[in-house]
Protein backbone atom coordinates (compact mmCIF):
# COMPACT_ATOMS: atom_id res chain seq x y z
CA MET A 1 46.64 6.85 20.77
CA PRO A 2 45.44 3.05 21.12
CA ILE A 3 45.26 1.49 18.22
CA LEU A 4 42.02 -0.60 17.38
CA SER A 5 41.96 -3.75 16.54
CA ARG A 6 40.16 -5.50 13.99
CA SER A 7 37.29 -7.28 15.76
CA THR A 8 37.44 -4.51 17.64
CA PHE A 9 36.81 -2.41 14.59
CA ALA A 10 34.72 -5.03 13.13
CA PHE A 11 32.14 -5.21 16.55
CA ALA A 12 32.09 -0.94 15.91
CA ALA A 13 30.65 -1.13 12.65
CA LEU A 14 28.43 -3.99 13.41
CA ALA A 15 26.71 -1.69 16.42
CA LEU A 16 26.64 1.01 13.68
CA THR A 17 24.78 -1.18 11.20
CA ALA A 18 22.59 -2.32 14.02
CA ALA A 19 21.97 0.94 15.64
CA ALA A 20 20.56 1.92 11.75
CA PRO A 21 16.77 2.78 10.82
CA ALA A 22 15.56 -0.35 9.17
CA GLN A 23 15.19 0.64 4.75
CA ALA A 24 11.41 0.51 4.31
CA ILE A 25 10.27 -2.38 2.17
CA GLU A 26 8.29 -1.11 -1.23
CA VAL A 27 6.14 -2.29 -3.31
CA GLN A 28 4.93 -1.37 -7.03
CA ARG A 29 2.94 -3.09 -9.46
CA SER A 30 0.73 -1.79 -12.00
CA VAL A 31 -1.69 -2.57 -14.37
CA THR A 32 -2.83 -1.88 -17.90
CA ILE A 33 -7.37 -1.35 -18.46
CA ALA A 34 -8.49 -0.67 -21.68
CA ALA A 35 -10.52 1.95 -20.56
CA PRO A 36 -10.50 5.95 -20.29
CA PRO A 37 -8.73 7.14 -17.38
CA ALA A 38 -12.13 8.88 -16.30
CA LYS A 39 -14.04 5.69 -16.21
CA VAL A 40 -11.56 3.85 -14.06
CA TRP A 41 -10.85 6.41 -11.43
CA GLN A 42 -14.95 6.54 -11.47
CA THR A 43 -14.05 3.03 -10.39
CA ILE A 44 -11.29 3.20 -7.62
CA GLY A 45 -11.30 7.38 -7.10
CA ASP A 46 -13.87 6.69 -4.38
CA PHE A 47 -12.07 6.68 -1.34
CA CYS A 48 -14.22 3.45 -0.05
CA GLY A 49 -14.89 2.35 -3.68
CA ILE A 50 -12.40 -0.27 -2.57
CA GLY A 51 -15.06 -2.36 -1.11
CA ASP A 52 -17.05 -2.74 -4.97
CA TRP A 53 -13.69 -4.30 -6.40
CA HIS A 54 -11.01 -5.37 -4.63
CA PRO A 55 -11.94 -9.18 -3.81
CA ALA A 56 -10.89 -9.35 -0.36
CA VAL A 57 -13.15 -6.55 0.68
CA GLU A 58 -16.30 -8.13 2.06
CA LYS A 59 -17.85 -4.32 3.08
CA CYS A 60 -16.33 -0.74 3.39
CA THR A 61 -17.39 1.59 5.90
CA PRO A 62 -16.39 5.06 5.92
CA SER A 63 -16.06 7.77 8.78
CA GLU A 64 -14.20 10.30 9.95
CA MET A 65 -11.35 11.15 12.56
CA ASP A 66 -9.95 14.23 13.03
CA GLY A 67 -11.81 16.16 10.17
CA LYS A 68 -9.62 13.02 7.69
CA LYS A 69 -11.02 10.28 6.22
CA VAL A 70 -11.14 6.46 7.45
CA ARG A 71 -12.31 3.45 6.25
CA LEU A 72 -13.06 0.40 8.09
CA LEU A 73 -12.07 -2.61 5.42
CA ASN A 74 -14.17 -5.86 6.19
CA LEU A 75 -12.20 -8.71 5.04
CA LYS A 76 -14.02 -11.82 3.25
CA GLY A 77 -12.75 -14.58 5.90
CA GLY A 78 -12.64 -12.26 9.00
CA GLY A 79 -10.56 -9.42 10.22
CA THR A 80 -10.61 -5.48 9.52
CA ILE A 81 -7.98 -2.94 8.11
CA LYS A 82 -8.77 0.66 9.06
CA GLU A 83 -6.84 2.85 6.76
CA GLU A 84 -6.71 7.23 6.63
CA LEU A 85 -7.05 9.00 2.96
CA GLN A 86 -4.00 11.20 3.31
CA SER A 87 -4.24 13.09 0.60
CA ARG A 88 -5.97 12.99 -2.85
CA ASP A 89 -5.73 14.69 -6.45
CA ASP A 90 -9.19 14.36 -8.57
CA LYS A 91 -7.38 15.92 -11.64
CA VAL A 92 -4.34 13.73 -11.30
CA MET A 93 -6.47 10.94 -10.32
CA SER A 94 -4.74 9.40 -7.48
CA TYR A 95 -4.90 9.13 -3.65
CA THR A 96 -2.57 8.53 -0.64
CA TYR A 97 -3.36 6.63 2.92
CA THR A 98 -2.08 5.01 5.62
CA ILE A 99 -2.95 2.21 8.01
CA LEU A 100 -3.74 2.71 11.20
CA GLU A 101 -4.54 -0.64 12.11
CA SER A 102 -4.35 -3.84 10.42
CA PRO A 103 -3.54 -7.54 11.26
CA LEU A 104 -0.98 -7.84 8.20
CA PRO A 105 2.19 -8.38 9.37
CA ILE A 106 3.46 -4.69 8.71
CA SER A 107 4.04 -1.33 10.35
CA ASP A 108 4.40 2.24 8.77
CA TYR A 109 2.50 1.48 5.64
CA LYS A 110 1.52 4.13 3.14
CA SER A 111 0.86 3.70 -0.27
CA THR A 112 -0.69 5.36 -3.04
CA LEU A 113 -3.25 4.12 -5.97
CA ALA A 114 -2.99 6.11 -9.57
CA VAL A 115 -4.46 6.51 -12.82
CA ALA A 116 -2.56 7.70 -15.94
CA PRO A 117 -3.65 7.47 -19.89
CA ASP A 118 -1.87 4.93 -21.39
CA GLY A 119 -2.33 4.62 -25.25
CA SER A 120 -5.92 4.38 -25.65
CA GLY A 121 -6.31 2.99 -22.28
CA SER A 122 -5.36 3.13 -18.97
CA LYS A 123 -2.62 2.11 -16.80
CA VAL A 124 -3.48 2.03 -12.60
CA THR A 125 -0.08 1.77 -10.61
CA TRP A 126 -0.98 0.72 -6.98
CA SER A 127 2.92 1.60 -4.88
CA GLY A 128 3.71 1.55 -1.20
CA THR A 129 6.72 1.32 1.18
CA PHE A 130 6.07 0.05 4.83
CA ASN A 131 8.26 -2.29 7.30
CA ALA A 132 8.10 -5.66 7.95
CA LYS A 133 6.18 -6.55 11.44
CA GLY A 134 6.56 -9.44 13.85
CA ALA A 135 7.58 -11.44 10.89
CA PRO A 136 10.44 -11.26 7.35
CA ASP A 137 10.67 -8.83 5.39
CA SER A 138 9.34 -11.58 2.37
CA VAL A 139 6.86 -12.04 4.19
CA GLY A 140 5.43 -8.30 4.46
CA THR A 141 6.21 -8.44 1.05
CA ASP A 142 4.13 -11.27 -0.14
CA ALA A 143 1.63 -10.14 1.26
CA VAL A 144 1.09 -6.44 0.23
CA GLN A 145 1.87 -8.01 -3.52
CA GLY A 146 -1.18 -10.46 -3.18
CA ILE A 147 -3.34 -7.37 -2.26
CA TYR A 148 -1.83 -5.25 -5.22
CA ASP A 149 -2.62 -8.07 -7.76
CA SER A 150 -5.32 -9.36 -6.37
CA GLY A 151 -7.05 -5.80 -6.37
CA LEU A 152 -5.32 -4.67 -9.89
CA LYS A 153 -6.61 -7.92 -11.60
CA ALA A 154 -10.73 -7.26 -10.07
CA LEU A 155 -9.71 -3.78 -11.12
CA SER A 156 -9.35 -4.64 -14.78
CA ASP A 157 -11.88 -7.27 -14.84
CA LYS A 158 -14.31 -4.83 -13.82
CA ALA A 159 -13.33 -1.83 -15.64
CA LYS A 160 -13.35 -2.68 -19.16
């Protein structure tokens, strides 16, 4: 039986690592809002309601594709994002969606927006997983964090 040299072993280990799928990037942001969960959910629960509270969205156009709800977000300054609703639970006050088309430097994006009681107010959590596309992980992460942070701040201001 041949003995593997250190360089052969190192090359084999590197090849196995390179063949492994990339680890998805995870981002989670939350904000506490001094309003009851039902009121906050009324603001964000409508899948196309994001056009009323997110500062980057100029207009949201709802539609259906293969029996699923889809929204087309026209962004301020140009560009569009097409998203598909994957699941929704009004009792838990959350929905999960994916991006179908986007100018963002990400792929395989899946996100959940949820409202939960927090003391006398609400906690809104926006979380997502994705892969960077055509850019370093940090660029994709910064883009998603920026979307979440600006949206949650605007939501907090609106839902009070």
